[in-house]
Amino acid sequence: MTKLESYDVIVIGAGMVGAAIAYGLAGRGRDVLVLDGADTDYRAAKANFGLVWVQGKGYDAPAYQKLSRHSVRLWPEFALNLEHETGVALDYENRGGLHFCLGEQEWAQRRARLDAWHVQAADEPPYTRMLDREQLQAMLPGVRLGPDVSGASLGKTDGHVNPLKLLIALHKGLMRRGATILGNRPATGITALTGGGFSVTAGGERYEGAQVVIAAGLGSASLGRMVGLDVPLRPQRGQLLVTERLRPLLPLPASGIRQTAEGTVMIGVTQENVGYDLHTTSSAAARMTHNALRILPDLAQARLVRHWSCLRILTPDGCPVYAGSISHPGAWIAVCHSGVTLAAFHAGPLSDCLHDSTLTANLDFFHHERFDVSTTA
């Protein structure tokens, strides 16, 4: 086994979370190594819907709602700077986002849920408003809504981005900032070094770093246990469909349906607890297309060109985990299933925290100890 040079920080994982953190740390003058796994790894980014989204997020978890709002406020400047630095157009828009309601009962339930959601973070300004069918149609002139559409909720600064372009830009940006990214290097071991720092084994090589940040998606659970960061994680399968390129059909993104800058329409996303099964199913495709056609009947003439799935990373409560190890100072973990929405936070404030080796008080909720029954009983 060959020993390579040492780094200030080793980030394990080059997906949406790890790449954003590495990009931020490299911009703060740290010498960063990013270790990426194999192309066959379970990558949540493969099934990312591309929403930069707040409305409804963090229900019964005000800290998560506030974190999401904070990141979305950072997104315009983050996107502008990233595009300027890398020359990669992200196709980012934040003109609002919709959650369509089918039937009056669903509309009333959505209003009640969002009313409660707003109360849970009462110190934040109102973020959403409900639109009845007439108001929704006035906002979407020229869009033929299905007869079952009763209205929608509107997230005022929700939006969307091309997730693949975002990941490409983050990789390009972190390398322009002097970071090193190595592919096909799945990390298999983390060992504390005498005198401080860590040795990470990956791809038959050994790398040393003063700090290590674990952002390896579902692989974070086993790696975290090596440095006293025991985070319970589970996979959730999400299936998606995408159509051929169409004329402009839907000017705002919506949960479960959005038209990309290229004109394709993405339809999804399922939430299936099936373990590590990555198969696609005709039953899921039928459900997704049925719901999409109830909203936008004109999609009936579109050809579907792709159907795929990937695995999301979920904690027991669905909220992110940000924590440092008590037993192994300098080891950190960052896990979430909202890598796009939180990318601006990861590249900004979270990277500031890791640079300073301390997490701010507003992140206390996100420590994995909240899952320890012995400490919460």
Protein backbone atom coordinates (compact mmCIF):
# COMPACT_ATOMS: atom_id res chain seq x y z
CA MET A 1 0.00 0.00 0.00
CA THR A 2 1.39 3.37 -1.07
CA LYS A 3 1.33 6.38 1.21
CA LEU A 4 0.48 9.60 -0.58
CA GLU A 5 0.97 13.19 0.58
CA SER A 6 -1.00 14.73 3.44
CA TYR A 7 -3.87 17.21 3.15
CA ASP A 8 -5.60 19.67 5.42
CA VAL A 9 -8.97 17.99 4.85
CA ILE A 10 -10.06 14.74 3.26
CA VAL A 11 -13.68 14.80 2.09
CA ILE A 12 -15.08 11.32 1.53
CA GLY A 13 -17.77 11.54 -1.13
CA ALA A 14 -17.98 13.69 -4.25
CA GLY A 15 -21.75 13.79 -4.60
CA MET A 16 -23.85 16.90 -4.10
CA VAL A 17 -23.05 17.19 -0.38
CA GLY A 18 -19.36 16.32 -0.43
CA ALA A 19 -18.63 18.40 -3.53
CA ALA A 20 -20.30 21.50 -2.07
CA ILE A 21 -18.40 21.16 1.21
CA ALA A 22 -15.10 20.59 -0.60
CA TYR A 23 -15.78 23.58 -2.86
CA GLY A 24 -16.38 25.78 0.17
CA LEU A 25 -13.33 24.56 2.08
CA ALA A 26 -11.06 24.95 -0.94
CA GLY A 27 -12.27 28.53 -1.26
CA ARG A 28 -11.18 29.15 2.32
CA GLY A 29 -7.58 28.23 1.57
CA ARG A 30 -7.67 24.62 2.75
CA ASP A 31 -5.72 21.93 0.91
CA VAL A 32 -8.55 19.50 0.15
CA LEU A 33 -8.60 15.94 -1.16
CA VAL A 34 -11.93 14.54 -2.33
CA LEU A 35 -12.26 10.77 -2.58
CA ASP A 36 -15.05 9.59 -4.85
CA GLY A 37 -16.41 6.08 -5.13
CA ALA A 38 -17.15 3.94 -8.18
CA ASP A 39 -19.71 4.76 -10.87
CA THR A 40 -21.74 1.77 -9.68
CA ASP A 41 -22.14 3.18 -6.16
CA TYR A 42 -25.59 4.12 -4.84
CA ARG A 43 -25.61 7.77 -5.89
CA ALA A 44 -28.59 9.88 -4.85
CA ALA A 45 -27.59 12.53 -7.40
CA LYS A 46 -28.64 10.19 -10.21
CA ALA A 47 -32.29 10.63 -9.26
CA ASN A 48 -32.21 14.23 -8.11
CA PHE A 49 -35.28 16.17 -9.19
CA GLY A 50 -33.42 19.47 -9.15
CA LEU A 51 -35.74 21.43 -6.87
CA VAL A 52 -34.41 24.25 -4.69
CA TRP A 53 -37.31 23.94 -2.31
CA VAL A 54 -38.60 25.08 1.06
CA GLN A 55 -42.39 24.86 1.17
CA GLY A 56 -43.49 22.13 3.54
CA LYS A 57 -39.94 21.05 4.35
CA GLY A 58 -39.17 20.53 8.01
CA TYR A 59 -42.73 19.88 9.17
CA ASP A 60 -42.54 19.30 12.94
CA ALA A 61 -38.83 20.20 12.73
CA PRO A 62 -38.57 24.02 12.79
CA ALA A 63 -34.76 23.91 12.78
CA TYR A 64 -34.83 22.12 9.42
CA GLN A 65 -37.40 24.54 8.02
CA LYS A 66 -35.22 27.50 9.06
CA LEU A 67 -32.09 25.87 7.66
CA SER A 68 -33.82 25.30 4.31
CA ARG A 69 -35.05 28.90 4.21
CA HIS A 70 -31.54 30.12 5.01
CA SER A 71 -29.99 28.09 2.21
CA VAL A 72 -32.58 29.21 -0.34
CA ARG A 73 -31.84 32.84 0.57
CA LEU A 74 -28.15 32.14 -0.13
CA TRP A 75 -28.83 30.42 -3.46
CA PRO A 76 -28.99 33.43 -5.84
CA GLU A 77 -25.54 34.70 -4.88
CA PHE A 78 -24.16 31.17 -4.65
CA ALA A 79 -25.39 30.34 -8.16
CA LEU A 80 -24.14 33.62 -9.61
CA ASN A 81 -20.65 33.17 -8.15
CA LEU A 82 -20.42 29.50 -9.15
CA GLU A 83 -21.44 30.26 -12.73
CA HIS A 84 -18.99 33.15 -12.93
CA GLU A 85 -16.13 31.05 -11.55
CA THR A 86 -16.71 27.96 -13.66
CA GLY A 87 -18.50 29.17 -16.79
CA VAL A 88 -21.14 26.46 -16.28
CA ALA A 89 -24.74 27.66 -16.72
CA LEU A 90 -26.80 26.09 -13.93
CA ASP A 91 -30.27 26.85 -15.38
CA TYR A 92 -31.23 28.18 -11.95
CA GLU A 93 -34.58 29.94 -11.50
CA ASN A 94 -36.26 31.06 -8.28
CA ARG A 95 -39.52 32.63 -9.46
CA GLY A 96 -41.62 30.38 -7.24
CA GLY A 97 -42.72 26.77 -7.06
CA LEU A 98 -46.08 25.00 -6.98
CA HIS A 99 -47.60 22.06 -5.18
CA PHE A 100 -50.69 21.10 -7.16
CA CYS A 101 -53.80 19.95 -5.31
CA LEU A 102 -56.30 17.51 -6.81
CA GLY A 103 -59.79 17.94 -5.39
CA GLU A 104 -61.13 20.34 -2.79
CA GLN A 105 -60.32 18.05 0.13
CA GLU A 106 -56.65 17.87 -0.85
CA TRP A 107 -56.55 21.66 -1.21
CA ALA A 108 -58.02 22.14 2.28
CA GLN A 109 -55.60 19.61 3.77
CA ARG A 110 -52.66 21.35 2.12
CA ARG A 111 -53.76 24.72 3.49
CA ALA A 112 -54.12 23.32 7.03
CA ARG A 113 -50.73 21.64 6.90
CA LEU A 114 -48.95 24.77 5.66
CA ASP A 115 -50.73 26.93 8.24
CA ALA A 116 -49.33 24.63 10.95
CA TRP A 117 -45.93 24.62 9.26
CA HIS A 118 -45.77 28.41 9.36
CA VAL A 119 -46.69 28.45 13.05
CA GLN A 120 -43.83 26.06 13.81
CA ALA A 121 -41.36 28.74 12.66
CA ALA A 122 -43.37 31.78 13.67
CA ASP A 123 -40.31 34.04 13.72
CA GLU A 124 -39.88 33.53 9.96
CA PRO A 125 -41.97 35.56 7.47
CA PRO A 126 -44.80 33.77 5.61
CA TYR A 127 -43.33 31.73 2.80
CA THR A 128 -46.32 30.22 1.00
CA ARG A 129 -49.79 31.20 -0.08
CA MET A 130 -52.68 29.12 -1.31
CA LEU A 131 -54.09 29.65 -4.79
CA ASP A 132 -57.57 28.48 -5.75
CA ARG A 133 -58.10 27.19 -9.28
CA GLU A 134 -59.04 30.61 -10.65
CA GLN A 135 -55.95 32.26 -9.14
CA LEU A 136 -53.73 29.43 -10.32
CA GLN A 137 -55.07 29.62 -13.85
CA ALA A 138 -54.47 33.38 -13.89
CA MET A 139 -50.85 32.72 -12.91
CA LEU A 140 -50.46 30.12 -15.67
CA PRO A 141 -52.05 31.67 -18.75
CA GLY A 142 -52.03 29.29 -21.66
CA VAL A 143 -51.59 26.22 -19.43
CA ARG A 144 -54.45 23.73 -19.73
CA LEU A 145 -55.07 22.34 -16.28
CA GLY A 146 -56.86 19.08 -15.74
CA PRO A 147 -60.42 19.25 -14.37
CA ASP A 148 -59.33 17.69 -11.06
CA VAL A 149 -56.89 20.51 -10.25
CA SER A 150 -58.45 22.53 -7.41
CA GLY A 151 -55.52 24.90 -6.93
CA ALA A 152 -52.01 24.86 -5.54
CA SER A 153 -49.73 26.17 -2.86
CA LEU A 154 -47.08 28.62 -4.04
CA GLY A 155 -43.64 28.82 -2.45
CA LYS A 156 -42.56 32.38 -3.13
CA THR A 157 -38.85 31.81 -3.78
CA ASP A 158 -38.84 28.09 -4.47
CA GLY A 159 -37.17 27.18 -7.72
CA HIS A 160 -35.15 24.64 -9.64
CA VAL A 161 -31.76 24.00 -11.17
CA ASN A 162 -30.17 21.45 -13.46
CA PRO A 163 -28.70 19.06 -10.85
CA LEU A 164 -26.17 17.50 -13.23
CA LYS A 165 -24.84 20.91 -14.24
CA LEU A 166 -24.68 21.88 -10.57
CA LEU A 167 -22.57 18.84 -9.74
CA ILE A 168 -20.32 19.44 -12.76
CA ALA A 169 -19.85 23.07 -11.71
CA LEU A 170 -19.01 22.13 -8.12
CA HIS A 171 -16.39 19.63 -9.31
CA LYS A 172 -14.94 22.15 -11.74
CA GLY A 173 -14.98 24.86 -9.10
CA LEU A 174 -13.28 22.85 -6.39
CA MET A 175 -10.51 21.86 -8.79
CA ARG A 176 -10.08 25.47 -9.92
CA ARG A 177 -9.65 26.32 -6.25
CA GLY A 178 -6.80 23.86 -5.98
CA ALA A 179 -8.54 20.82 -4.53
CA THR A 180 -7.74 17.29 -5.68
CA ILE A 181 -10.52 14.88 -6.65
CA LEU A 182 -9.81 11.20 -7.18
CA GLY A 183 -12.39 8.91 -8.73
CA ASN A 184 -12.84 5.18 -8.19
CA ARG A 185 -11.42 5.53 -4.68
CA PRO A 186 -14.17 4.17 -2.38
CA ALA A 187 -13.03 4.69 1.18
CA THR A 188 -12.84 1.49 3.21
CA GLY A 189 -11.07 2.56 6.38
CA ILE A 190 -10.41 5.57 8.61
CA THR A 191 -7.76 5.39 11.33
CA ALA A 192 -6.75 8.05 13.84
CA LEU A 193 -3.05 8.88 13.71
CA THR A 194 -0.83 9.23 16.75
CA GLY A 195 -0.44 12.93 17.37
CA GLY A 196 -3.58 13.89 15.47
CA GLY A 197 -5.09 13.59 12.06
CA PHE A 198 -6.37 10.60 10.14
CA SER A 199 -5.33 7.97 7.67
CA VAL A 200 -7.95 7.06 5.08
CA THR A 201 -7.66 3.87 3.05
CA ALA A 202 -9.24 4.03 -0.38
CA GLY A 203 -8.68 2.11 -3.59
CA GLY A 204 -5.63 0.33 -2.22
CA GLU A 205 -3.95 3.60 -1.28
CA ARG A 206 -3.53 5.48 1.99
CA TYR A 207 -4.12 9.20 2.37
CA GLU A 208 -3.51 11.39 5.40
CA GLY A 209 -5.41 14.46 6.50
CA ALA A 210 -5.62 16.69 9.55
CA GLN A 211 -9.42 16.53 9.25
CA VAL A 212 -11.83 14.14 7.59
CA VAL A 213 -15.38 14.93 6.47
CA ILE A 214 -17.64 11.96 5.79
CA ALA A 215 -20.22 12.84 3.12
CA ALA A 216 -20.54 9.47 1.42
CA GLY A 217 -24.31 9.10 1.33
CA LEU A 218 -25.47 5.66 2.40
CA GLY A 219 -21.83 4.65 2.85
CA SER A 220 -21.51 7.23 5.62
CA ALA A 221 -23.03 4.88 8.21
CA SER A 222 -20.21 2.32 8.17
CA LEU A 223 -17.48 4.94 7.79
CA GLY A 224 -18.88 7.07 10.60
CA ARG A 225 -18.75 4.21 13.08
CA MET A 226 -14.98 4.04 12.56
CA VAL A 227 -14.59 7.46 14.17
CA GLY A 228 -17.36 7.46 16.78
CA LEU A 229 -20.09 8.89 14.53
CA ASP A 230 -22.86 6.30 14.59
CA VAL A 231 -25.62 7.65 12.33
CA PRO A 232 -28.61 5.43 11.47
CA LEU A 233 -29.39 5.64 7.76
CA ARG A 234 -31.76 3.87 5.40
CA PRO A 235 -32.30 3.92 1.64
CA GLN A 236 -35.51 5.04 -0.03
CA ARG A 237 -36.04 4.30 -3.70
CA GLY A 238 -37.17 7.10 -5.96
CA GLN A 239 -38.28 6.45 -9.54
CA LEU A 240 -38.43 9.15 -12.21
CA LEU A 241 -39.65 9.56 -15.77
CA VAL A 242 -38.59 12.08 -18.38
CA THR A 243 -40.28 13.00 -21.65
CA GLU A 244 -38.97 14.15 -24.99
CA ARG A 245 -38.41 17.88 -25.44
CA LEU A 246 -41.68 19.80 -25.63
CA ARG A 247 -42.82 23.35 -26.27
CA PRO A 248 -43.00 25.51 -23.11
CA LEU A 249 -45.70 23.87 -21.04
CA LEU A 250 -45.16 24.69 -17.37
CA PRO A 251 -43.41 27.95 -16.45
CA LEU A 252 -42.88 27.11 -12.78
CA PRO A 253 -41.51 23.94 -11.22
CA ALA A 254 -43.81 21.83 -9.10
CA SER A 255 -43.37 18.98 -6.68
CA GLY A 256 -43.57 15.87 -8.83
CA ILE A 257 -43.48 17.61 -12.20
CA ARG A 258 -41.21 20.21 -13.77
CA GLN A 259 -40.10 21.29 -17.21
CA THR A 260 -36.37 21.71 -17.65
CA ALA A 261 -34.59 24.46 -19.54
CA GLU A 262 -34.07 21.98 -22.41
CA GLY A 263 -37.83 21.41 -22.67
CA THR A 264 -38.02 17.89 -21.26
CA VAL A 265 -40.56 17.24 -18.52
CA MET A 266 -39.47 15.34 -15.41
CA ILE A 267 -42.16 13.33 -13.65
CA GLY A 268 -41.77 11.74 -10.23
CA VAL A 269 -40.78 11.00 -7.62
CA THR A 270 -41.79 7.82 -5.82
CA GLN A 271 -40.96 7.19 -2.16
CA GLU A 272 -40.48 3.45 -1.74
CA ASN A 273 -38.98 1.64 1.22
CA VAL A 274 -37.64 -1.41 -0.59
CA GLY A 275 -34.12 -1.60 0.76
CA TYR A 276 -31.35 -1.47 -1.82
CA ASP A 277 -33.54 -2.58 -4.73
CA LEU A 278 -32.86 -0.31 -7.74
CA HIS A 279 -35.34 -1.89 -10.14
CA THR A 280 -37.90 0.26 -11.92
CA THR A 281 -41.52 -0.90 -11.96
CA SER A 282 -44.35 -0.47 -14.43
CA SER A 283 -46.78 0.10 -11.57
CA ALA A 284 -44.80 3.13 -10.38
CA ALA A 285 -44.58 4.48 -13.93
CA ALA A 286 -48.34 4.10 -14.30
CA ARG A 287 -49.02 5.98 -11.04
CA MET A 288 -46.66 8.81 -11.92
CA THR A 289 -48.04 9.27 -15.42
CA HIS A 290 -51.63 9.08 -14.19
CA ASN A 291 -51.05 11.86 -11.65
CA ALA A 292 -49.15 13.98 -14.17
CA LEU A 293 -51.96 13.71 -16.71
CA ARG A 294 -54.54 14.73 -14.12
CA ILE A 295 -52.54 17.95 -13.74
CA LEU A 296 -51.41 18.55 -17.34
CA PRO A 297 -53.55 16.59 -19.82
CA ASP A 298 -51.48 17.85 -22.77
CA LEU A 299 -48.68 15.54 -21.66
CA ALA A 300 -50.68 12.65 -23.08
CA GLN A 301 -49.10 13.21 -26.49
CA ALA A 302 -45.52 13.26 -25.17
CA ARG A 303 -43.16 10.33 -25.56
CA LEU A 304 -41.39 9.03 -22.50
CA VAL A 305 -37.68 8.62 -23.21
CA ARG A 306 -36.30 7.39 -19.91
CA HIS A 307 -37.37 5.69 -16.69
CA TRP A 308 -34.83 5.21 -13.91
CA SER A 309 -34.41 5.03 -10.16
CA CYS A 310 -31.92 5.76 -7.42
CA LEU A 311 -31.71 5.61 -3.65
CA ARG A 312 -32.18 8.57 -1.34
CA ILE A 313 -30.42 8.81 2.00
CA LEU A 314 -32.80 9.11 4.94
CA THR A 315 -32.26 9.45 8.67
CA PRO A 316 -35.02 8.21 11.03
CA ASP A 317 -36.66 11.66 11.11
CA GLY A 318 -35.77 12.70 7.56
CA CYS A 319 -33.66 15.64 8.74
CA PRO A 320 -29.96 16.18 8.02
CA VAL A 321 -27.10 15.21 10.32
CA TYR A 322 -24.15 17.52 10.95
CA ALA A 323 -21.84 16.42 13.74
CA GLY A 324 -18.26 16.24 14.91
CA SER A 325 -16.77 13.27 16.71
CA ILE A 326 -16.09 13.56 20.43
CA SER A 327 -13.84 10.49 20.50
CA HIS A 328 -11.98 11.45 17.31
CA PRO A 329 -11.66 15.27 17.16
CA GLY A 330 -11.32 16.47 13.59
CA ALA A 331 -13.72 13.88 12.16
CA TRP A 332 -17.04 15.22 10.86
CA ILE A 333 -20.11 13.84 9.16
CA ALA A 334 -22.65 15.53 6.88
CA VAL A 335 -25.66 13.59 5.64
CA CYS A 336 -28.91 14.78 4.07
CA HIS A 337 -31.38 14.01 1.28
CA SER A 338 -31.72 17.67 0.19
CA GLY A 339 -28.30 18.10 -1.36
CA VAL A 340 -29.48 20.61 -3.98
CA THR A 341 -31.55 22.84 -1.69
CA LEU A 342 -28.80 22.85 0.94
CA ALA A 343 -25.87 23.20 -1.48
CA ALA A 344 -25.54 26.94 -0.82
CA PHE A 345 -25.47 26.30 2.93
CA HIS A 346 -22.94 23.48 2.57
CA ALA A 347 -20.60 25.57 0.41
CA GLY A 348 -21.02 28.62 2.67
CA PRO A 349 -21.88 28.57 6.40
CA LEU A 350 -21.20 24.85 6.94
CA SER A 351 -17.77 25.13 5.32
CA ASP A 352 -17.10 28.12 7.58
CA CYS A 353 -17.92 25.93 10.58
CA LEU A 354 -15.65 23.10 9.43
CA HIS A 355 -12.87 25.56 8.68
CA ASP A 356 -13.17 26.86 12.25
CA SER A 357 -13.58 23.31 13.66
CA THR A 358 -16.83 24.16 15.45
CA LEU A 359 -20.52 23.88 14.63
CA THR A 360 -22.66 26.91 15.49
CA ALA A 361 -25.49 26.66 18.00
CA ASN A 362 -28.19 26.76 15.31
CA LEU A 363 -26.94 23.34 14.18
CA ASP A 364 -27.33 21.67 17.59
CA PHE A 365 -30.60 20.03 16.53
CA PHE A 366 -28.85 18.23 13.67
CA HIS A 367 -26.49 16.20 15.87
CA HIS A 368 -27.02 12.48 15.55
CA GLU A 369 -27.40 12.11 19.31
CA ARG A 370 -31.08 12.98 18.83
CA PHE A 371 -31.52 9.36 17.74
CA ASP A 372 -29.98 7.98 20.95
CA VAL A 373 -32.93 6.86 23.09
CA SER A 374 -30.76 6.79 26.22
CA THR A 375 -30.05 10.53 25.93
CA THR A 376 -33.57 11.59 24.96
CA ALA A 377 -35.63 9.46 27.32
